[in-house]
Amino acid sequence: LFSFLVFLRYQIYYGYPLQTYLEYPIIIAQDVILLLFILRFSGNMKRALFYAVTFGGGWYVLTLRKWIIDLAMNLCTLISAASKLAQLRCLWQAKDSGQVSALTWSMSAYTCA
């Protein structure tokens, strides 16, 4: 979600045409809805306000200075790779892949790379 927010803010900040980033608001909305479902069914709805404030504040902070948005854009690849490694570590510790298929992981690794 962080990467999508940074990509969207970066493209808006530099004035890219709407057609180049139109999918990001849709993806962000899907991720937010999924996060709300996860929080709701795990009994942690109190954290939703914290996440909303964090992402809202991050949205504002990204464009305080030009170097901040540029640095955040460069760190998105590292953050995406780190999230994949965290998922792999969790799967390795659980010794159960559950519903994860090789095709899903291949597509995810390809888009991350």
Protein backbone atom coordinates (compact mmCIF):
# COMPACT_ATOMS: atom_id res chain seq x y z
CA LEU A 1 0.00 0.00 0.00
CA PHE A 2 2.89 2.34 0.82
CA SER A 3 4.43 1.86 -2.61
CA PHE A 4 1.15 2.55 -4.39
CA LEU A 5 0.63 5.72 -2.36
CA VAL A 6 4.16 6.91 -3.17
CA PHE A 7 3.74 6.14 -6.87
CA LEU A 8 0.43 8.00 -6.98
CA ARG A 9 1.76 11.02 -5.10
CA TYR A 10 4.92 11.09 -7.24
CA GLN A 11 2.97 11.10 -10.48
CA ILE A 12 0.59 13.81 -9.24
CA TYR A 13 3.52 15.88 -7.90
CA TYR A 14 5.36 15.86 -11.22
CA GLY A 15 2.22 16.47 -13.28
CA TYR A 16 2.06 13.25 -15.25
CA PRO A 17 -1.07 12.75 -17.38
CA LEU A 18 -3.98 11.12 -15.55
CA GLN A 19 -3.95 8.10 -17.90
CA THR A 20 -0.48 7.07 -16.65
CA TYR A 21 -1.56 6.61 -13.04
CA LEU A 22 -5.31 6.05 -13.16
CA GLU A 23 -5.03 2.46 -11.90
CA TYR A 24 -3.30 3.47 -8.64
CA PRO A 25 -6.38 4.97 -6.94
CA ILE A 26 -8.30 1.78 -7.78
CA ILE A 27 -5.51 -0.44 -6.42
CA ILE A 28 -5.23 1.70 -3.29
CA ALA A 29 -8.99 1.48 -2.70
CA GLN A 30 -8.84 -2.32 -3.07
CA ASP A 31 -5.95 -2.54 -0.61
CA VAL A 32 -7.69 -0.28 1.91
CA ILE A 33 -10.87 -2.37 1.73
CA LEU A 34 -8.83 -5.56 2.15
CA LEU A 35 -6.98 -4.04 5.12
CA LEU A 36 -10.29 -3.03 6.71
CA PHE A 37 -11.65 -6.56 6.30
CA ILE A 38 -8.50 -8.01 7.85
CA LEU A 39 -8.69 -5.59 10.78
CA ARG A 40 -12.42 -6.19 11.22
CA PHE A 41 -12.25 -9.97 11.26
CA SER A 42 -9.13 -10.13 13.41
CA GLY A 43 -10.75 -7.85 15.99
CA ASN A 44 -8.32 -4.96 15.56
CA MET A 45 -10.56 -2.21 14.19
CA LYS A 46 -9.03 0.26 16.65
CA ARG A 47 -5.86 0.16 14.53
CA ALA A 48 -7.75 1.43 11.47
CA LEU A 49 -7.66 5.02 12.76
CA PHE A 50 -3.91 4.73 13.38
CA TYR A 51 -3.33 3.50 9.81
CA ALA A 52 -5.56 6.22 8.36
CA VAL A 53 -3.68 8.96 10.23
CA THR A 54 -0.32 7.43 9.29
CA PHE A 55 -1.14 7.24 5.58
CA GLY A 56 -2.79 10.67 5.59
CA GLY A 57 0.25 12.20 7.28
CA GLY A 58 2.57 10.36 4.92
CA TRP A 59 0.61 11.68 1.94
CA TYR A 60 1.27 15.23 3.16
CA VAL A 61 4.91 14.71 4.23
CA LEU A 62 5.91 13.22 0.87
CA THR A 63 5.69 16.58 -0.86
CA LEU A 64 7.14 18.86 1.80
CA ARG A 65 10.45 18.78 -0.09
CA LYS A 66 11.36 17.49 -3.54
CA TRP A 67 14.09 15.20 -2.17
CA ILE A 68 11.61 13.44 0.12
CA ILE A 69 9.36 12.30 -2.74
CA ASP A 70 12.39 11.32 -4.85
CA LEU A 71 13.91 9.32 -1.98
CA ALA A 72 10.58 7.63 -1.22
CA MET A 73 10.23 6.66 -4.88
CA ASN A 74 13.70 5.10 -4.86
CA LEU A 75 12.98 3.22 -1.63
CA CYS A 76 9.79 1.65 -2.99
CA THR A 77 11.72 -1.14 -4.71
CA LEU A 78 13.57 -1.93 -1.50
CA ILE A 79 10.33 -1.90 0.50
CA SER A 80 8.58 -4.17 -2.02
CA ALA A 81 11.48 -6.63 -1.95
CA ALA A 82 11.60 -6.55 1.85
CA SER A 83 7.89 -7.33 2.06
CA LYS A 84 8.35 -10.34 -0.19
CA LEU A 85 11.23 -11.56 1.98
CA ALA A 86 9.08 -11.14 5.10
CA GLN A 87 6.33 -13.21 3.47
CA LEU A 88 8.82 -15.90 2.48
CA ARG A 89 10.23 -15.99 6.03
CA CYS A 90 6.72 -16.40 7.45
CA LEU A 91 5.99 -19.25 5.02
CA TRP A 92 9.32 -20.88 5.85
CA GLN A 93 8.64 -20.76 9.60
CA ALA A 94 5.07 -22.04 9.22
CA LYS A 95 6.20 -24.86 6.88
CA ASP A 96 2.83 -24.48 5.16
CA SER A 97 2.25 -22.61 1.93
CA GLY A 98 -1.53 -22.71 2.32
CA GLN A 99 -3.18 -21.29 -0.78
CA VAL A 100 0.00 -19.87 -2.35
CA SER A 101 0.68 -21.17 -5.84
CA ALA A 102 3.92 -21.10 -7.82
CA LEU A 103 2.24 -18.95 -10.49
CA THR A 104 1.20 -16.33 -7.92
CA TRP A 105 4.71 -16.12 -6.47
CA SER A 106 6.25 -15.96 -9.95
CA MET A 107 4.02 -13.05 -10.98
CA SER A 108 4.69 -11.29 -7.68
CA ALA A 109 8.46 -11.74 -7.99
CA TYR A 110 8.35 -10.54 -11.61
CA THR A 111 6.43 -7.36 -10.77
CA CYS A 112 8.68 -6.69 -7.77
CA ALA A 113 11.81 -7.10 -9.91
